[in-house]
Amino acid sequence: YMRFHFLLVLQMGMQFSRGELPPLGQQAALQAAAKAIAEADGAAVAFTGAGISAESGVPTYRDPGGLWKTYDQRKVSSIGGFLRRPLACWRFEVELYRILKDCTFNSAHKALADLESSGLLNGVITQNVDGLHAKAGSCKVVELHGNETRAVCLSCKQTISVKDIFLDFGWIDSNGNVLDDALPDDSWIRLSDEDFDESIPNEMVMLASGVYANAPKCKDCGGLLKPDAIYFGEEVDHRDLLTAKRLVSRAKVMLVVGSNCSVAPASSLPASLKRSGGTVIEVNPKRSMISDMADIRIER
């Protein structure tokens, strides 16, 4: 659905921008979406969620086949879980890497990049951590929840590719293939009903426990390396959120693609544009938290 609808919206938007009529017989929603994009004259922004990457082979976390069906998100995606067992969380990152290494951008990512290069879109705000918008050619991308293809030092904020970490640990070979026999046991991070404390532990207690000894460290300062994503219990980077809010404040139209809009503060952005009088276009096969407020809905 993404490929068909986005390429058609792109085609029709380009026709309207040249003062031409769209082809007859197209769905009213597609015509309305293309017209709104074109008439915004570049004052349009995209807001994307996990659904846009589904056709690239990246399963949404909670749907069948998603990582949360196998692994305990409390342990591997909370800052408390990471600080208690960083190496175990990095073991989980191998599973995400295993998915992403063979994935590439799809027609929906490319259509957004084309909309930007044609002057019809001012940028992309995404909740995704897969980096596929940039690979597709989008230049102005705000990754509100970070990017899990890289790691960040918690001390000096330097970033490196996660692939470099896995190479250093001997978890992948020089071709990027995962070496399963070299991986540590993952039983602790698998889904279970056991109680788990997600609060942030005392740093000195954790240092004394030795759990950081074998965790990935920054080669510049020796600080702890963490996947460069916003974990549960962490706040979105205020600079990224400010950039996203500025994009929204300057927009007349927002394309909301593949997001159920349930995770704050990112989920507040469509409502912010709506309150300012803008047009919200939702592209989603399922109804979401913003479906009732959307001016235009594009489904299957």
C-alpha atoms as a PDB file:
ATOM      1  CA  TYR A   1       0.000   0.000   0.000  1.00  0.00           C
ATOM      2  CA  MET A   2       2.868   2.373   0.762  1.00  0.00           C
ATOM      3  CA  ARG A   3       4.496   1.964  -2.650  1.00  0.00           C
ATOM      4  CA  PHE A   4       1.333   2.531  -4.667  1.00  0.00           C
ATOM      5  CA  HIS A   5      -0.085   5.396  -2.679  1.00  0.00           C
ATOM      6  CA  PHE A   6       3.108   7.361  -2.196  1.00  0.00           C
ATOM      7  CA  LEU A   7       4.244   7.161  -5.768  1.00  0.00           C
ATOM      8  CA  LEU A   8       0.790   8.248  -6.847  1.00  0.00           C
ATOM      9  CA  VAL A   9       0.682  11.094  -4.340  1.00  0.00           C
ATOM     10  CA  LEU A  10       4.127  12.160  -5.565  1.00  0.00           C
ATOM     11  CA  GLN A  11       3.072  12.006  -9.212  1.00  0.00           C
ATOM     12  CA  MET A  12      -0.145  13.910  -8.628  1.00  0.00           C
ATOM     13  CA  GLY A  13       1.530  16.498  -6.414  1.00  0.00           C
ATOM     14  CA  MET A  14       4.070  17.197  -9.140  1.00  0.00           C
ATOM     15  CA  GLN A  15       1.273  17.616 -11.679  1.00  0.00           C
ATOM     16  CA  PHE A  16      -0.576  20.077  -9.472  1.00  0.00           C
ATOM     17  CA  SER A  17       2.650  22.015  -8.871  1.00  0.00           C
ATOM     18  CA  ARG A  18       2.960  22.444 -12.650  1.00  0.00           C
ATOM     19  CA  GLY A  19      -0.633  23.663 -12.902  1.00  0.00           C
ATOM     20  CA  GLU A  20      -1.864  20.471 -14.571  1.00  0.00           C
ATOM     21  CA  LEU A  21      -4.952  18.485 -13.612  1.00  0.00           C
ATOM     22  CA  PRO A  22      -4.426  15.031 -12.062  1.00  0.00           C
ATOM     23  CA  PRO A  23      -5.437  11.998 -14.130  1.00  0.00           C
ATOM     24  CA  LEU A  24      -9.145  11.223 -14.017  1.00  0.00           C
ATOM     25  CA  GLY A  25     -10.459   8.259 -12.060  1.00  0.00           C
ATOM     26  CA  GLN A  26      -8.080   8.485  -9.102  1.00  0.00           C
ATOM     27  CA  GLN A  27      -9.416   8.133  -5.600  1.00  0.00           C
ATOM     28  CA  ALA A  28     -10.687  11.331  -4.036  1.00  0.00           C
ATOM     29  CA  ALA A  29      -8.389  10.971  -1.061  1.00  0.00           C
ATOM     30  CA  LEU A  30      -5.327  10.712  -3.275  1.00  0.00           C
ATOM     31  CA  GLN A  31      -6.385  13.732  -5.277  1.00  0.00           C
ATOM     32  CA  ALA A  32      -7.012  15.719  -2.112  1.00  0.00           C
ATOM     33  CA  ALA A  33      -3.645  14.674  -0.645  1.00  0.00           C
ATOM     34  CA  ALA A  34      -1.703  15.561  -3.782  1.00  0.00           C
ATOM     35  CA  LYS A  35      -3.517  18.901  -4.064  1.00  0.00           C
ATOM     36  CA  ALA A  36      -2.789  19.750  -0.413  1.00  0.00           C
ATOM     37  CA  ILE A  37       0.909  18.904  -0.819  1.00  0.00           C
ATOM     38  CA  ALA A  38       1.243  20.981  -3.963  1.00  0.00           C
ATOM     39  CA  GLU A  39      -0.666  23.973  -2.590  1.00  0.00           C
ATOM     40  CA  ALA A  40       1.461  23.977   0.552  1.00  0.00           C
ATOM     41  CA  ASP A  41       4.280  25.171  -1.741  1.00  0.00           C
ATOM     42  CA  GLY A  42       7.036  23.400   0.174  1.00  0.00           C
ATOM     43  CA  ALA A  43       5.486  23.960   3.611  1.00  0.00           C
ATOM     44  CA  ALA A  44       4.843  20.249   4.143  1.00  0.00           C
ATOM     45  CA  VAL A  45       6.497  17.862   6.578  1.00  0.00           C
ATOM     46  CA  ALA A  46       6.370  14.070   6.954  1.00  0.00           C
ATOM     47  CA  PHE A  47       5.999  12.238  10.264  1.00  0.00           C
ATOM     48  CA  THR A  48       6.799   8.523  10.046  1.00  0.00           C
ATOM     49  CA  GLY A  49       6.583   5.448  12.231  1.00  0.00           C
ATOM     50  CA  ALA A  50       7.416   1.762  12.051  1.00  0.00           C
ATOM     51  CA  GLY A  51       4.840   1.026   9.358  1.00  0.00           C
ATOM     52  CA  ILE A  52       6.817   2.812   6.648  1.00  0.00           C
ATOM     53  CA  SER A  53       9.719   0.382   7.088  1.00  0.00           C
ATOM     54  CA  ALA A  54       7.588  -2.781   7.146  1.00  0.00           C
ATOM     55  CA  GLU A  55       7.945  -3.274   3.389  1.00  0.00           C
ATOM     56  CA  SER A  56      11.720  -3.083   3.822  1.00  0.00           C
ATOM     57  CA  GLY A  57      11.542  -6.182   5.993  1.00  0.00           C
ATOM     58  CA  VAL A  58      11.751  -4.369   9.334  1.00  0.00           C
ATOM     59  CA  PRO A  59       8.948  -5.847  11.463  1.00  0.00           C
ATOM     60  CA  THR A  60       7.138  -3.515  13.815  1.00  0.00           C
ATOM     61  CA  TYR A  61       8.137  -4.322  17.376  1.00  0.00           C
ATOM     62  CA  ARG A  62       4.748  -5.457  18.651  1.00  0.00           C
ATOM     63  CA  ASP A  63       3.186  -7.117  15.615  1.00  0.00           C
ATOM     64  CA  PRO A  64       3.634 -10.844  14.833  1.00  0.00           C
ATOM     65  CA  GLY A  65       7.302 -11.490  14.108  1.00  0.00           C
ATOM     66  CA  GLY A  66       8.333  -8.361  16.005  1.00  0.00           C
ATOM     67  CA  LEU A  67      11.209  -8.390  18.465  1.00  0.00           C
ATOM     68  CA  TRP A  68       8.954  -7.808  21.480  1.00  0.00           C
ATOM     69  CA  LYS A  69       7.386 -11.198  20.825  1.00  0.00           C
ATOM     70  CA  THR A  70      10.729 -12.804  21.719  1.00  0.00           C
ATOM     71  CA  TYR A  71      12.673 -10.330  23.827  1.00  0.00           C
ATOM     72  CA  ASP A  72      11.765  -8.451  27.018  1.00  0.00           C
ATOM     73  CA  GLN A  73      11.552  -4.757  26.171  1.00  0.00           C
ATOM     74  CA  ARG A  74      11.823  -3.846  29.868  1.00  0.00           C
ATOM     75  CA  LYS A  75      15.335  -5.262  29.912  1.00  0.00           C
ATOM     76  CA  VAL A  76      16.667  -4.382  26.465  1.00  0.00           C
ATOM     77  CA  SER A  77      15.010  -1.029  25.750  1.00  0.00           C
ATOM     78  CA  SER A  78      14.913   0.724  29.108  1.00  0.00           C
ATOM     79  CA  ILE A  79      17.795   2.780  30.418  1.00  0.00           C
ATOM     80  CA  GLY A  80      17.498   0.950  33.743  1.00  0.00           C
ATOM     81  CA  GLY A  81      17.847  -2.401  32.007  1.00  0.00           C
ATOM     82  CA  PHE A  82      20.826  -1.216  29.996  1.00  0.00           C
ATOM     83  CA  LEU A  83      22.688   0.131  33.037  1.00  0.00           C
ATOM     84  CA  ARG A  84      22.100  -3.125  34.896  1.00  0.00           C
ATOM     85  CA  ARG A  85      23.239  -5.450  32.109  1.00  0.00           C
ATOM     86  CA  PRO A  86      24.816  -3.487  29.231  1.00  0.00           C
ATOM     87  CA  LEU A  87      26.418  -6.504  27.564  1.00  0.00           C
ATOM     88  CA  ALA A  88      23.071  -8.320  27.550  1.00  0.00           C
ATOM     89  CA  CYS A  89      21.471  -5.321  25.851  1.00  0.00           C
ATOM     90  CA  TRP A  90      24.221  -5.331  23.245  1.00  0.00           C
ATOM     91  CA  ARG A  91      23.453  -9.013  22.696  1.00  0.00           C
ATOM     92  CA  PHE A  92      19.911  -7.941  21.820  1.00  0.00           C
ATOM     93  CA  GLU A  93      21.271  -5.326  19.417  1.00  0.00           C
ATOM     94  CA  VAL A  94      22.782  -8.160  17.389  1.00  0.00           C
ATOM     95  CA  GLU A  95      19.236  -9.349  16.644  1.00  0.00           C
ATOM     96  CA  LEU A  96      18.233  -5.896  15.427  1.00  0.00           C
ATOM     97  CA  TYR A  97      21.457  -5.701  13.401  1.00  0.00           C
ATOM     98  CA  ARG A  98      20.657  -9.115  11.914  1.00  0.00           C
ATOM     99  CA  ILE A  99      17.372  -7.663  10.615  1.00  0.00           C
ATOM    100  CA  LEU A 100      18.677  -4.311   9.421  1.00  0.00           C
ATOM    101  CA  LYS A 101      21.855  -5.456   7.674  1.00  0.00           C
ATOM    102  CA  ASP A 102      19.907  -6.915   4.743  1.00  0.00           C
ATOM    103  CA  CYS A 103      17.238  -4.203   4.629  1.00  0.00           C
ATOM    104  CA  THR A 104      17.165  -1.243   2.319  1.00  0.00           C
ATOM    105  CA  PHE A 105      14.815   1.646   1.803  1.00  0.00           C
ATOM    106  CA  ASN A 106      11.552   1.059  -0.039  1.00  0.00           C
ATOM    107  CA  SER A 107       9.393   3.078  -2.428  1.00  0.00           C
ATOM    108  CA  ALA A 108       7.765   5.013   0.402  1.00  0.00           C
ATOM    109  CA  HIS A 109      11.131   6.203   1.757  1.00  0.00           C
ATOM    110  CA  LYS A 110      12.203   7.084  -1.788  1.00  0.00           C
ATOM    111  CA  ALA A 111       8.956   8.951  -2.511  1.00  0.00           C
ATOM    112  CA  LEU A 112       9.516  11.162   0.540  1.00  0.00           C
ATOM    113  CA  ALA A 113      13.079  11.842  -0.569  1.00  0.00           C
ATOM    114  CA  ASP A 114      11.778  12.735  -4.026  1.00  0.00           C
ATOM    115  CA  LEU A 115       9.142  15.026  -2.549  1.00  0.00           C
ATOM    116  CA  GLU A 116      11.913  16.803  -0.633  1.00  0.00           C
ATOM    117  CA  SER A 117      14.235  17.114  -3.626  1.00  0.00           C
ATOM    118  CA  SER A 118      11.348  18.462  -5.724  1.00  0.00           C
ATOM    119  CA  GLY A 119      10.721  21.205  -3.174  1.00  0.00           C
ATOM    120  CA  LEU A 120       7.351  19.857  -2.040  1.00  0.00           C
ATOM    121  CA  LEU A 121       8.481  18.580   1.369  1.00  0.00           C
ATOM    122  CA  ASN A 122      10.503  20.476   3.950  1.00  0.00           C
ATOM    123  CA  GLY A 123      11.730  17.482   5.945  1.00  0.00           C
ATOM    124  CA  VAL A 124      11.016  14.169   7.653  1.00  0.00           C
ATOM    125  CA  ILE A 125      10.409  13.640  11.356  1.00  0.00           C
ATOM    126  CA  THR A 126      10.690   9.959  12.203  1.00  0.00           C
ATOM    127  CA  GLN A 127      10.239   7.731  15.225  1.00  0.00           C
ATOM    128  CA  ASN A 128      12.222   4.999  13.470  1.00  0.00           C
ATOM    129  CA  VAL A 129      15.751   3.999  14.441  1.00  0.00           C
ATOM    130  CA  ASP A 130      16.716   2.178  11.232  1.00  0.00           C
ATOM    131  CA  GLY A 131      18.339   5.055   9.301  1.00  0.00           C
ATOM    132  CA  LEU A 132      16.460   4.186   6.090  1.00  0.00           C
ATOM    133  CA  HIS A 133      15.231   7.717   5.359  1.00  0.00           C
ATOM    134  CA  ALA A 134      18.793   8.988   4.999  1.00  0.00           C
ATOM    135  CA  LYS A 135      19.733   5.971   2.872  1.00  0.00           C
ATOM    136  CA  ALA A 136      16.835   6.798   0.561  1.00  0.00           C
ATOM    137  CA  GLY A 137      18.198  10.299   0.032  1.00  0.00           C
ATOM    138  CA  SER A 138      16.226  12.435   2.459  1.00  0.00           C
ATOM    139  CA  CYS A 139      18.483  15.305   3.554  1.00  0.00           C
ATOM    140  CA  LYS A 140      16.544  16.850   6.411  1.00  0.00           C
ATOM    141  CA  VAL A 141      15.706  14.009   8.782  1.00  0.00           C
ATOM    142  CA  VAL A 142      14.959  14.410  12.484  1.00  0.00           C
ATOM    143  CA  GLU A 143      15.390  11.040  14.213  1.00  0.00           C
ATOM    144  CA  LEU A 144      13.416  11.684  17.379  1.00  0.00           C
ATOM    145  CA  HIS A 145      14.111   8.257  18.858  1.00  0.00           C
ATOM    146  CA  GLY A 146      17.722   8.034  17.703  1.00  0.00           C
ATOM    147  CA  ASN A 147      19.433   5.615  15.338  1.00  0.00           C
ATOM    148  CA  GLU A 148      20.341   2.077  16.358  1.00  0.00           C
ATOM    149  CA  THR A 149      22.810   1.572  13.538  1.00  0.00           C
ATOM    150  CA  ARG A 150      25.271   3.502  15.694  1.00  0.00           C
ATOM    151  CA  ALA A 151      26.418   3.710  19.312  1.00  0.00           C
ATOM    152  CA  VAL A 152      26.991   6.763  21.468  1.00  0.00           C
ATOM    153  CA  CYS A 153      29.422   7.234  24.349  1.00  0.00           C
ATOM    154  CA  LEU A 154      27.551   8.180  27.506  1.00  0.00           C
ATOM    155  CA  SER A 155      30.520  10.309  28.594  1.00  0.00           C
ATOM    156  CA  CYS A 156      31.937  12.196  25.583  1.00  0.00           C
ATOM    157  CA  LYS A 157      28.962  11.682  23.174  1.00  0.00           C
ATOM    158  CA  GLN A 158      31.160  10.374  20.342  1.00  0.00           C
ATOM    159  CA  THR A 159      29.305   8.026  17.990  1.00  0.00           C
ATOM    160  CA  ILE A 160      30.502   4.954  16.111  1.00  0.00           C
ATOM    161  CA  SER A 161      28.866   2.273  13.972  1.00  0.00           C
ATOM    162  CA  VAL A 162      27.480  -0.716  15.851  1.00  0.00           C
ATOM    163  CA  LYS A 163      29.161  -2.850  13.207  1.00  0.00           C
ATOM    164  CA  ASP A 164      32.550  -1.712  14.554  1.00  0.00           C
ATOM    165  CA  ILE A 165      31.548  -2.845  18.036  1.00  0.00           C
ATOM    166  CA  PHE A 166      30.427  -6.246  16.828  1.00  0.00           C
ATOM    167  CA  LEU A 167      33.646  -6.659  14.834  1.00  0.00           C
ATOM    168  CA  ASP A 168      35.728  -5.798  17.905  1.00  0.00           C
ATOM    169  CA  PHE A 169      33.802  -8.350  19.970  1.00  0.00           C
ATOM    170  CA  GLY A 170      34.134 -11.010  17.278  1.00  0.00           C
ATOM    171  CA  TRP A 171      30.356 -11.301  16.963  1.00  0.00           C
ATOM    172  CA  ILE A 172      30.391 -10.710  13.187  1.00  0.00           C
ATOM    173  CA  ASP A 173      32.926 -11.495  10.478  1.00  0.00           C
ATOM    174  CA  SER A 174      34.558  -9.045   8.072  1.00  0.00           C
ATOM    175  CA  ASN A 175      31.605  -9.416   5.696  1.00  0.00           C
ATOM    176  CA  GLY A 176      29.140  -8.424   8.407  1.00  0.00           C
ATOM    177  CA  ASN A 177      27.738 -11.906   8.929  1.00  0.00           C
ATOM    178  CA  VAL A 178      26.680 -12.802  12.466  1.00  0.00           C
ATOM    179  CA  LEU A 179      28.803 -15.514  14.100  1.00  0.00           C
ATOM    180  CA  ASP A 180      26.198 -17.259  16.250  1.00  0.00           C
ATOM    181  CA  ASP A 181      28.690 -19.503  18.019  1.00  0.00           C
ATOM    182  CA  ALA A 182      30.556 -16.438  19.300  1.00  0.00           C
ATOM    183  CA  LEU A 183      27.503 -14.738  20.796  1.00  0.00           C
ATOM    184  CA  PRO A 184      26.882 -14.697  24.559  1.00  0.00           C
ATOM    185  CA  ASP A 185      23.829 -16.421  25.998  1.00  0.00           C
ATOM    186  CA  ASP A 186      20.595 -14.462  25.519  1.00  0.00           C
ATOM    187  CA  SER A 187      18.332 -16.273  28.001  1.00  0.00           C
ATOM    188  CA  TRP A 188      18.215 -13.289  30.399  1.00  0.00           C
ATOM    189  CA  ILE A 189      16.772 -10.944  27.782  1.00  0.00           C
ATOM    190  CA  ARG A 190      14.133 -13.291  26.417  1.00  0.00           C
ATOM    191  CA  LEU A 191      10.486 -12.601  27.141  1.00  0.00           C
ATOM    192  CA  SER A 192       9.376 -13.764  30.584  1.00  0.00           C
ATOM    193  CA  ASP A 193       6.891 -12.972  33.339  1.00  0.00           C
ATOM    194  CA  GLU A 194       9.520 -12.371  35.988  1.00  0.00           C
ATOM    195  CA  ASP A 195       9.490  -9.104  37.912  1.00  0.00           C
ATOM    196  CA  PHE A 196      12.041  -6.583  36.727  1.00  0.00           C
ATOM    197  CA  ASP A 197      13.048  -3.239  38.204  1.00  0.00           C
ATOM    198  CA  GLU A 198      13.366  -0.679  35.378  1.00  0.00           C
ATOM    199  CA  SER A 199      14.585   2.110  37.642  1.00  0.00           C
ATOM    200  CA  ILE A 200      18.046   3.582  37.094  1.00  0.00           C
ATOM    201  CA  PRO A 201      20.544   1.804  39.375  1.00  0.00           C
ATOM    202  CA  ASN A 202      23.204   3.458  41.506  1.00  0.00           C
ATOM    203  CA  GLU A 203      26.289   3.984  39.335  1.00  0.00           C
ATOM    204  CA  MET A 204      28.814   3.198  42.044  1.00  0.00           C
ATOM    205  CA  VAL A 205      27.021  -0.029  42.950  1.00  0.00           C
ATOM    206  CA  MET A 206      27.031  -1.131  39.316  1.00  0.00           C
ATOM    207  CA  LEU A 207      30.709  -0.244  38.890  1.00  0.00           C
ATOM    208  CA  ALA A 208      31.568  -2.278  41.964  1.00  0.00           C
ATOM    209  CA  SER A 209      29.528  -5.214  40.686  1.00  0.00           C
ATOM    210  CA  GLY A 210      31.762  -5.544  37.626  1.00  0.00           C
ATOM    211  CA  VAL A 211      28.905  -5.676  35.082  1.00  0.00           C
ATOM    212  CA  TYR A 212      30.570  -2.899  33.067  1.00  0.00           C
ATOM    213  CA  ALA A 213      33.920  -4.672  32.796  1.00  0.00           C
ATOM    214  CA  ASN A 214      33.174  -6.484  29.537  1.00  0.00           C
ATOM    215  CA  ALA A 215      30.758  -3.964  28.044  1.00  0.00           C
ATOM    216  CA  PRO A 216      31.710  -1.937  24.927  1.00  0.00           C
ATOM    217  CA  LYS A 217      33.775   1.134  25.801  1.00  0.00           C
ATOM    218  CA  CYS A 218      34.641   4.344  23.986  1.00  0.00           C
ATOM    219  CA  LYS A 219      38.164   4.220  22.523  1.00  0.00           C
ATOM    220  CA  ASP A 220      38.578   7.959  23.107  1.00  0.00           C
ATOM    221  CA  CYS A 221      37.551   8.336  26.760  1.00  0.00           C
ATOM    222  CA  GLY A 222      36.752   4.859  28.067  1.00  0.00           C
ATOM    223  CA  GLY A 223      33.113   5.728  28.668  1.00  0.00           C
ATOM    224  CA  LEU A 224      30.289   3.222  28.341  1.00  0.00           C
ATOM    225  CA  LEU A 225      28.913   2.827  24.808  1.00  0.00           C
ATOM    226  CA  LYS A 226      25.152   2.609  24.443  1.00  0.00           C
ATOM    227  CA  PRO A 227      22.979   2.082  21.360  1.00  0.00           C
ATOM    228  CA  ASP A 228      22.143   5.575  20.108  1.00  0.00           C
ATOM    229  CA  ALA A 229      18.408   5.248  20.670  1.00  0.00           C
ATOM    230  CA  ILE A 230      16.047   6.831  23.172  1.00  0.00           C
ATOM    231  CA  TYR A 231      15.289   4.114  25.697  1.00  0.00           C
ATOM    232  CA  PHE A 232      12.258   3.942  27.936  1.00  0.00           C
ATOM    233  CA  GLY A 233      13.116   6.108  30.934  1.00  0.00           C
ATOM    234  CA  GLU A 234      15.109   8.584  28.811  1.00  0.00           C
ATOM    235  CA  GLU A 235      13.948  11.890  27.417  1.00  0.00           C
ATOM    236  CA  VAL A 236      14.012  12.755  23.722  1.00  0.00           C
ATOM    237  CA  ASP A 237      17.025  14.956  22.908  1.00  0.00           C
ATOM    238  CA  HIS A 238      15.760  18.508  23.404  1.00  0.00           C
ATOM    239  CA  ARG A 239      17.615  19.723  20.313  1.00  0.00           C
ATOM    240  CA  ASP A 240      15.938  17.136  18.098  1.00  0.00           C
ATOM    241  CA  LEU A 241      12.546  17.875  19.604  1.00  0.00           C
ATOM    242  CA  LEU A 242      13.054  21.618  19.094  1.00  0.00           C
ATOM    243  CA  THR A 243      14.046  21.038  15.446  1.00  0.00           C
ATOM    244  CA  ALA A 244      10.945  18.894  14.930  1.00  0.00           C
ATOM    245  CA  LYS A 245       8.692  21.508  16.514  1.00  0.00           C
ATOM    246  CA  ARG A 246      10.178  24.204  14.289  1.00  0.00           C
ATOM    247  CA  LEU A 247       9.502  22.107  11.189  1.00  0.00           C
ATOM    248  CA  VAL A 248       5.917  21.614  12.314  1.00  0.00           C
ATOM    249  CA  SER A 249       5.438  25.301  13.144  1.00  0.00           C
ATOM    250  CA  ARG A 250       6.426  26.223   9.582  1.00  0.00           C
ATOM    251  CA  ALA A 251       4.276  23.559   7.927  1.00  0.00           C
ATOM    252  CA  LYS A 252       0.816  23.782   6.415  1.00  0.00           C
ATOM    253  CA  VAL A 253       0.548  20.050   5.708  1.00  0.00           C
ATOM    254  CA  MET A 254       1.750  16.959   7.572  1.00  0.00           C
ATOM    255  CA  LEU A 255       1.966  13.479   6.059  1.00  0.00           C
ATOM    256  CA  VAL A 256       1.642  10.955   8.897  1.00  0.00           C
ATOM    257  CA  VAL A 257       2.877   7.604   7.594  1.00  0.00           C
ATOM    258  CA  GLY A 258       2.825   4.240   9.335  1.00  0.00           C
ATOM    259  CA  SER A 259       2.561   5.536  12.895  1.00  0.00           C
ATOM    260  CA  ASN A 260      -0.088   4.776  15.489  1.00  0.00           C
ATOM    261  CA  CYS A 261       0.909   8.052  17.180  1.00  0.00           C
ATOM    262  CA  SER A 262       0.826   6.598  20.682  1.00  0.00           C
ATOM    263  CA  VAL A 263       4.319   7.463  21.950  1.00  0.00           C
ATOM    264  CA  ALA A 264       4.843  10.912  23.469  1.00  0.00           C
ATOM    265  CA  PRO A 265       6.184  13.508  22.918  1.00  0.00           C
ATOM    266  CA  ALA A 266       6.444  12.701  19.213  1.00  0.00           C
ATOM    267  CA  SER A 267       2.750  11.849  19.061  1.00  0.00           C
ATOM    268  CA  SER A 268       1.832  15.437  19.976  1.00  0.00           C
ATOM    269  CA  LEU A 269       3.228  16.865  16.730  1.00  0.00           C
ATOM    270  CA  PRO A 270       0.274  16.062  14.415  1.00  0.00           C
ATOM    271  CA  ALA A 271      -2.134  17.586  16.938  1.00  0.00           C
ATOM    272  CA  SER A 272       0.063  20.684  17.152  1.00  0.00           C
ATOM    273  CA  LEU A 273      -0.131  21.207  13.401  1.00  0.00           C
ATOM    274  CA  LYS A 274      -3.889  20.587  13.428  1.00  0.00           C
ATOM    275  CA  ARG A 275      -4.418  23.209  16.146  1.00  0.00           C
ATOM    276  CA  SER A 276      -2.552  25.763  14.054  1.00  0.00           C
ATOM    277  CA  GLY A 277      -4.949  25.210  11.162  1.00  0.00           C
ATOM    278  CA  GLY A 278      -2.823  22.830   9.109  1.00  0.00           C
ATOM    279  CA  THR A 279      -3.907  19.792   7.093  1.00  0.00           C
ATOM    280  CA  VAL A 280      -3.116  16.313   8.449  1.00  0.00           C
ATOM    281  CA  ILE A 281      -2.879  13.491   5.888  1.00  0.00           C
ATOM    282  CA  GLU A 282      -2.720  10.003   7.381  1.00  0.00           C
ATOM    283  CA  VAL A 283      -1.373   7.027   5.393  1.00  0.00           C
ATOM    284  CA  ASN A 284      -2.029   3.885   7.406  1.00  0.00           C
ATOM    285  CA  PRO A 285      -3.867   0.590   6.776  1.00  0.00           C
ATOM    286  CA  LYS A 286      -5.114   0.680  10.373  1.00  0.00           C
ATOM    287  CA  ARG A 287      -6.817   3.394  12.379  1.00  0.00           C
ATOM    288  CA  SER A 288      -4.552   5.219  14.815  1.00  0.00           C
ATOM    289  CA  MET A 289      -4.734   7.712  17.653  1.00  0.00           C
ATOM    290  CA  ILE A 290      -4.975  10.568  15.128  1.00  0.00           C
ATOM    291  CA  SER A 291      -7.396   9.035  12.632  1.00  0.00           C
ATOM    292  CA  ASP A 292     -10.335  11.059  13.929  1.00  0.00           C
ATOM    293  CA  MET A 293      -8.458  14.347  13.536  1.00  0.00           C
ATOM    294  CA  ALA A 294      -6.967  13.583  10.115  1.00  0.00           C
ATOM    295  CA  ASP A 295      -8.334  15.691   7.268  1.00  0.00           C
ATOM    296  CA  ILE A 296      -7.432  13.031   4.688  1.00  0.00           C
ATOM    297  CA  ARG A 297      -6.969   9.299   5.266  1.00  0.00           C
ATOM    298  CA  ILE A 298      -5.325   7.004   2.727  1.00  0.00           C
ATOM    299  CA  GLU A 299      -5.790   3.283   3.348  1.00  0.00           C
ATOM    300  CA  ARG A 300      -5.616   0.086   1.348  1.00  0.00           C
END
